[in-house]
Amino acid sequence: MIVRRATLEDLHPLAVLFDEYRQFYGASSNLSLSYQFLNQRFQNKESVIFIHVKDDTLTGFILLYMGFSSVACSTYYILDDVYVTPTYRRQGSAKQLIDTAILFARHENAQRISLQTEKNNYQSHQLYEQMGFIKDDEFQTYHCFLK
């Protein structure tokens, strides 16, 4: 099992896995939309994507977006998506992906990695906390949905 940074050559199998991820969260399958979305991220250099590969099969991914901290005058990364296909879960794939993201962010001198997860996603909470993430009890999250 290896984790490496995704390239444009990975786009087709990554789009299939990304579409599976979207369906996991209740979106309708739309492989074309998934492909277009990821292709835009690559073309515009708007995200960093690492993939988990086992026996030449793409088994998972993690998607990071760069953010900026005005107070710290520094960058940070938003861990927006981490997904492992069900067949390959419970084998350490998510931990490997997150470890790679942390190493990458440190290498880039980022201030932190931030993420949000559902309140009832207890398994993920446990994993994140084991990996050094700290639950934020100080700030409240708000959203202004525009669509």
C-alpha atoms as a PDB file:
ATOM      1  CA  MET A   1       0.000   0.000   0.000  1.00  0.00           C
ATOM      2  CA  ILE A   2       1.344   3.395  -0.961  1.00  0.00           C
ATOM      3  CA  VAL A   3       0.164   6.964  -0.656  1.00  0.00           C
ATOM      4  CA  ARG A   4       1.246   9.437  -3.287  1.00  0.00           C
ATOM      5  CA  ARG A   5       0.191  12.774  -4.687  1.00  0.00           C
ATOM      6  CA  ALA A   6      -2.418  12.425  -7.417  1.00  0.00           C
ATOM      7  CA  THR A   7      -1.605  13.531 -10.945  1.00  0.00           C
ATOM      8  CA  LEU A   8      -3.723  14.200 -14.017  1.00  0.00           C
ATOM      9  CA  GLU A   9      -3.063  10.592 -15.089  1.00  0.00           C
ATOM     10  CA  ASP A  10      -5.024   9.492 -11.991  1.00  0.00           C
ATOM     11  CA  LEU A  11      -8.027  11.629 -12.872  1.00  0.00           C
ATOM     12  CA  HIS A  12     -10.286   8.918 -14.353  1.00  0.00           C
ATOM     13  CA  PRO A  13      -9.997   6.358 -11.520  1.00  0.00           C
ATOM     14  CA  LEU A  14     -10.001   9.187  -8.968  1.00  0.00           C
ATOM     15  CA  ALA A  15     -13.248  10.564 -10.427  1.00  0.00           C
ATOM     16  CA  VAL A  16     -14.872   7.121 -10.042  1.00  0.00           C
ATOM     17  CA  LEU A  17     -13.822   6.983  -6.385  1.00  0.00           C
ATOM     18  CA  PHE A  18     -14.829  10.620  -5.846  1.00  0.00           C
ATOM     19  CA  ASP A  19     -18.267   9.870  -7.296  1.00  0.00           C
ATOM     20  CA  GLU A  20     -18.553   6.933  -4.866  1.00  0.00           C
ATOM     21  CA  TYR A  21     -17.622   9.325  -2.034  1.00  0.00           C
ATOM     22  CA  ARG A  22     -20.287  11.818  -3.106  1.00  0.00           C
ATOM     23  CA  GLN A  23     -22.906   9.063  -3.176  1.00  0.00           C
ATOM     24  CA  PHE A  24     -21.821   7.991   0.331  1.00  0.00           C
ATOM     25  CA  TYR A  25     -22.860  11.469   1.478  1.00  0.00           C
ATOM     26  CA  GLY A  26     -26.206  11.367  -0.318  1.00  0.00           C
ATOM     27  CA  ALA A  27     -25.443  12.969  -3.684  1.00  0.00           C
ATOM     28  CA  SER A  28     -26.723  11.357  -6.861  1.00  0.00           C
ATOM     29  CA  SER A  29     -24.148   9.594  -8.974  1.00  0.00           C
ATOM     30  CA  ASN A  30     -22.741  11.897 -11.630  1.00  0.00           C
ATOM     31  CA  LEU A  31     -19.384  10.691 -12.900  1.00  0.00           C
ATOM     32  CA  SER A  32     -19.117  13.503 -15.431  1.00  0.00           C
ATOM     33  CA  LEU A  33     -19.614  16.147 -12.724  1.00  0.00           C
ATOM     34  CA  SER A  34     -17.110  14.416 -10.439  1.00  0.00           C
ATOM     35  CA  TYR A  35     -14.546  14.320 -13.243  1.00  0.00           C
ATOM     36  CA  GLN A  36     -15.125  17.981 -14.160  1.00  0.00           C
ATOM     37  CA  PHE A  37     -14.875  19.097 -10.544  1.00  0.00           C
ATOM     38  CA  LEU A  38     -11.580  17.294  -9.967  1.00  0.00           C
ATOM     39  CA  ASN A  39     -10.194  18.350 -13.337  1.00  0.00           C
ATOM     40  CA  GLN A  40     -10.845  22.010 -12.429  1.00  0.00           C
ATOM     41  CA  ARG A  41      -9.004  21.555  -9.124  1.00  0.00           C
ATOM     42  CA  PHE A  42      -6.005  20.148 -11.027  1.00  0.00           C
ATOM     43  CA  GLN A  43      -6.060  22.711 -13.831  1.00  0.00           C
ATOM     44  CA  ASN A  44      -6.417  25.683 -11.481  1.00  0.00           C
ATOM     45  CA  LYS A  45      -4.012  24.236  -8.887  1.00  0.00           C
ATOM     46  CA  GLU A  46      -6.694  24.785  -6.243  1.00  0.00           C
ATOM     47  CA  SER A  47      -6.167  21.677  -4.156  1.00  0.00           C
ATOM     48  CA  VAL A  48      -3.707  19.008  -3.155  1.00  0.00           C
ATOM     49  CA  ILE A  49      -4.923  15.439  -3.540  1.00  0.00           C
ATOM     50  CA  PHE A  50      -3.185  12.365  -2.206  1.00  0.00           C
ATOM     51  CA  ILE A  51      -4.316   8.888  -3.197  1.00  0.00           C
ATOM     52  CA  HIS A  52      -3.968   5.513  -1.530  1.00  0.00           C
ATOM     53  CA  VAL A  53      -3.079   2.683  -3.907  1.00  0.00           C
ATOM     54  CA  LYS A  54      -3.024  -1.040  -3.229  1.00  0.00           C
ATOM     55  CA  ASP A  55      -2.127  -3.559  -5.949  1.00  0.00           C
ATOM     56  CA  ASP A  56      -2.580  -0.892  -8.663  1.00  0.00           C
ATOM     57  CA  THR A  57      -6.093  -0.141  -7.364  1.00  0.00           C
ATOM     58  CA  LEU A  58      -7.042   3.310  -6.122  1.00  0.00           C
ATOM     59  CA  THR A  59      -8.528   2.642  -2.684  1.00  0.00           C
ATOM     60  CA  GLY A  60      -8.842   6.091  -1.122  1.00  0.00           C
ATOM     61  CA  PHE A  61      -8.016   9.785  -1.289  1.00  0.00           C
ATOM     62  CA  ILE A  62      -7.603  12.899   0.787  1.00  0.00           C
ATOM     63  CA  LEU A  63      -8.289  16.360  -0.570  1.00  0.00           C
ATOM     64  CA  LEU A  64      -6.739  19.510   0.899  1.00  0.00           C
ATOM     65  CA  TYR A  65      -7.447  23.157   0.170  1.00  0.00           C
ATOM     66  CA  MET A  66      -5.147  25.983   1.205  1.00  0.00           C
ATOM     67  CA  GLY A  67      -6.472  28.646   3.521  1.00  0.00           C
ATOM     68  CA  PHE A  68      -4.944  31.795   4.922  1.00  0.00           C
ATOM     69  CA  SER A  69      -4.798  33.023   8.513  1.00  0.00           C
ATOM     70  CA  SER A  70      -4.808  36.815   8.674  1.00  0.00           C
ATOM     71  CA  VAL A  71      -3.922  36.924  12.371  1.00  0.00           C
ATOM     72  CA  ALA A  72      -0.991  34.504  12.030  1.00  0.00           C
ATOM     73  CA  CYS A  73      -0.029  35.809   8.563  1.00  0.00           C
ATOM     74  CA  SER A  74       0.322  32.180   7.578  1.00  0.00           C
ATOM     75  CA  THR A  75      -1.223  29.464   5.478  1.00  0.00           C
ATOM     76  CA  TYR A  76      -3.127  26.431   6.680  1.00  0.00           C
ATOM     77  CA  TYR A  77      -4.843  23.524   4.983  1.00  0.00           C
ATOM     78  CA  ILE A  78      -8.467  22.513   5.096  1.00  0.00           C
ATOM     79  CA  LEU A  79      -8.899  18.766   5.073  1.00  0.00           C
ATOM     80  CA  ASP A  80     -12.161  18.762   3.172  1.00  0.00           C
ATOM     81  CA  ASP A  81     -12.465  15.149   2.079  1.00  0.00           C
ATOM     82  CA  VAL A  82     -10.965  11.857   3.156  1.00  0.00           C
ATOM     83  CA  TYR A  83     -12.442   8.650   1.815  1.00  0.00           C
ATOM     84  CA  VAL A  84     -11.558   4.982   1.667  1.00  0.00           C
ATOM     85  CA  THR A  85     -13.699   2.625  -0.375  1.00  0.00           C
ATOM     86  CA  PRO A  86     -15.564   0.205   1.955  1.00  0.00           C
ATOM     87  CA  THR A  87     -13.645  -2.908   0.845  1.00  0.00           C
ATOM     88  CA  TYR A  88     -10.361  -1.384   2.062  1.00  0.00           C
ATOM     89  CA  ARG A  89     -11.517   0.147   5.348  1.00  0.00           C
ATOM     90  CA  ARG A  90     -10.114  -0.897   8.719  1.00  0.00           C
ATOM     91  CA  GLN A  91      -6.671  -1.513   7.194  1.00  0.00           C
ATOM     92  CA  GLY A  92      -4.996   1.771   8.131  1.00  0.00           C
ATOM     93  CA  SER A  93      -5.606   3.516   4.799  1.00  0.00           C
ATOM     94  CA  ALA A  94      -7.257   6.625   6.265  1.00  0.00           C
ATOM     95  CA  LYS A  95      -4.469   6.960   8.828  1.00  0.00           C
ATOM     96  CA  GLN A  96      -1.853   6.723   6.064  1.00  0.00           C
ATOM     97  CA  LEU A  97      -3.649   9.398   4.045  1.00  0.00           C
ATOM     98  CA  ILE A  98      -3.936  11.734   7.033  1.00  0.00           C
ATOM     99  CA  ASP A  99      -0.294  11.125   8.020  1.00  0.00           C
ATOM    100  CA  THR A 100       0.744  12.092   4.506  1.00  0.00           C
ATOM    101  CA  ALA A 101      -1.379  15.251   4.631  1.00  0.00           C
ATOM    102  CA  ILE A 102       0.212  16.234   7.954  1.00  0.00           C
ATOM    103  CA  LEU A 103       3.728  15.656   6.615  1.00  0.00           C
ATOM    104  CA  PHE A 104       2.902  17.657   3.500  1.00  0.00           C
ATOM    105  CA  ALA A 105       1.464  20.582   5.498  1.00  0.00           C
ATOM    106  CA  ARG A 106       4.505  20.605   7.790  1.00  0.00           C
ATOM    107  CA  HIS A 107       6.798  20.595   4.761  1.00  0.00           C
ATOM    108  CA  GLU A 108       4.879  23.584   3.380  1.00  0.00           C
ATOM    109  CA  ASN A 109       5.280  25.406   6.740  1.00  0.00           C
ATOM    110  CA  ALA A 110       1.529  25.601   7.199  1.00  0.00           C
ATOM    111  CA  GLN A 111       0.209  26.692  10.570  1.00  0.00           C
ATOM    112  CA  ARG A 112      -2.325  23.854  10.898  1.00  0.00           C
ATOM    113  CA  ILE A 113      -4.759  21.500   9.229  1.00  0.00           C
ATOM    114  CA  SER A 114      -8.424  22.132  10.001  1.00  0.00           C
ATOM    115  CA  LEU A 115     -11.415  19.913   9.315  1.00  0.00           C
ATOM    116  CA  GLN A 116     -15.089  19.500  10.045  1.00  0.00           C
ATOM    117  CA  THR A 117     -16.911  16.234  10.468  1.00  0.00           C
ATOM    118  CA  GLU A 118     -20.415  15.221  11.405  1.00  0.00           C
ATOM    119  CA  LYS A 119     -21.148  15.277  15.127  1.00  0.00           C
ATOM    120  CA  ASN A 120     -22.147  11.607  15.132  1.00  0.00           C
ATOM    121  CA  ASN A 121     -19.106  10.353  13.183  1.00  0.00           C
ATOM    122  CA  TYR A 122     -17.540   8.917  16.346  1.00  0.00           C
ATOM    123  CA  GLN A 123     -15.052   6.616  14.614  1.00  0.00           C
ATOM    124  CA  SER A 124     -13.568   9.534  12.697  1.00  0.00           C
ATOM    125  CA  HIS A 125     -13.504  11.678  15.840  1.00  0.00           C
ATOM    126  CA  GLN A 126     -11.498   8.988  17.590  1.00  0.00           C
ATOM    127  CA  LEU A 127      -9.044   8.655  14.699  1.00  0.00           C
ATOM    128  CA  TYR A 128      -8.525  12.411  14.391  1.00  0.00           C
ATOM    129  CA  GLU A 129      -7.935  12.792  18.120  1.00  0.00           C
ATOM    130  CA  GLN A 130      -5.478   9.861  18.128  1.00  0.00           C
ATOM    131  CA  MET A 131      -3.589  11.632  15.348  1.00  0.00           C
ATOM    132  CA  GLY A 132      -3.252  14.880  17.289  1.00  0.00           C
ATOM    133  CA  PHE A 133      -6.262  16.871  16.109  1.00  0.00           C
ATOM    134  CA  ILE A 134      -7.877  18.927  18.851  1.00  0.00           C
ATOM    135  CA  LYS A 135     -11.619  19.477  19.033  1.00  0.00           C
ATOM    136  CA  ASP A 136     -12.482  23.172  18.901  1.00  0.00           C
ATOM    137  CA  ASP A 137     -14.864  24.047  21.716  1.00  0.00           C
ATOM    138  CA  GLU A 138     -14.213  27.785  21.443  1.00  0.00           C
ATOM    139  CA  PHE A 139     -15.620  28.690  18.031  1.00  0.00           C
ATOM    140  CA  GLN A 140     -19.085  28.165  16.583  1.00  0.00           C
ATOM    141  CA  THR A 141     -19.423  27.315  12.897  1.00  0.00           C
ATOM    142  CA  TYR A 142     -21.972  29.148  10.733  1.00  0.00           C
ATOM    143  CA  HIS A 143     -22.820  28.779   7.065  1.00  0.00           C
ATOM    144  CA  CYS A 144     -24.551  31.082   4.615  1.00  0.00           C
ATOM    145  CA  PHE A 145     -25.786  28.792   1.830  1.00  0.00           C
ATOM    146  CA  LEU A 146     -26.001  30.565  -1.503  1.00  0.00           C
ATOM    147  CA  LYS A 147     -27.440  27.767  -3.647  1.00  0.00           C
END
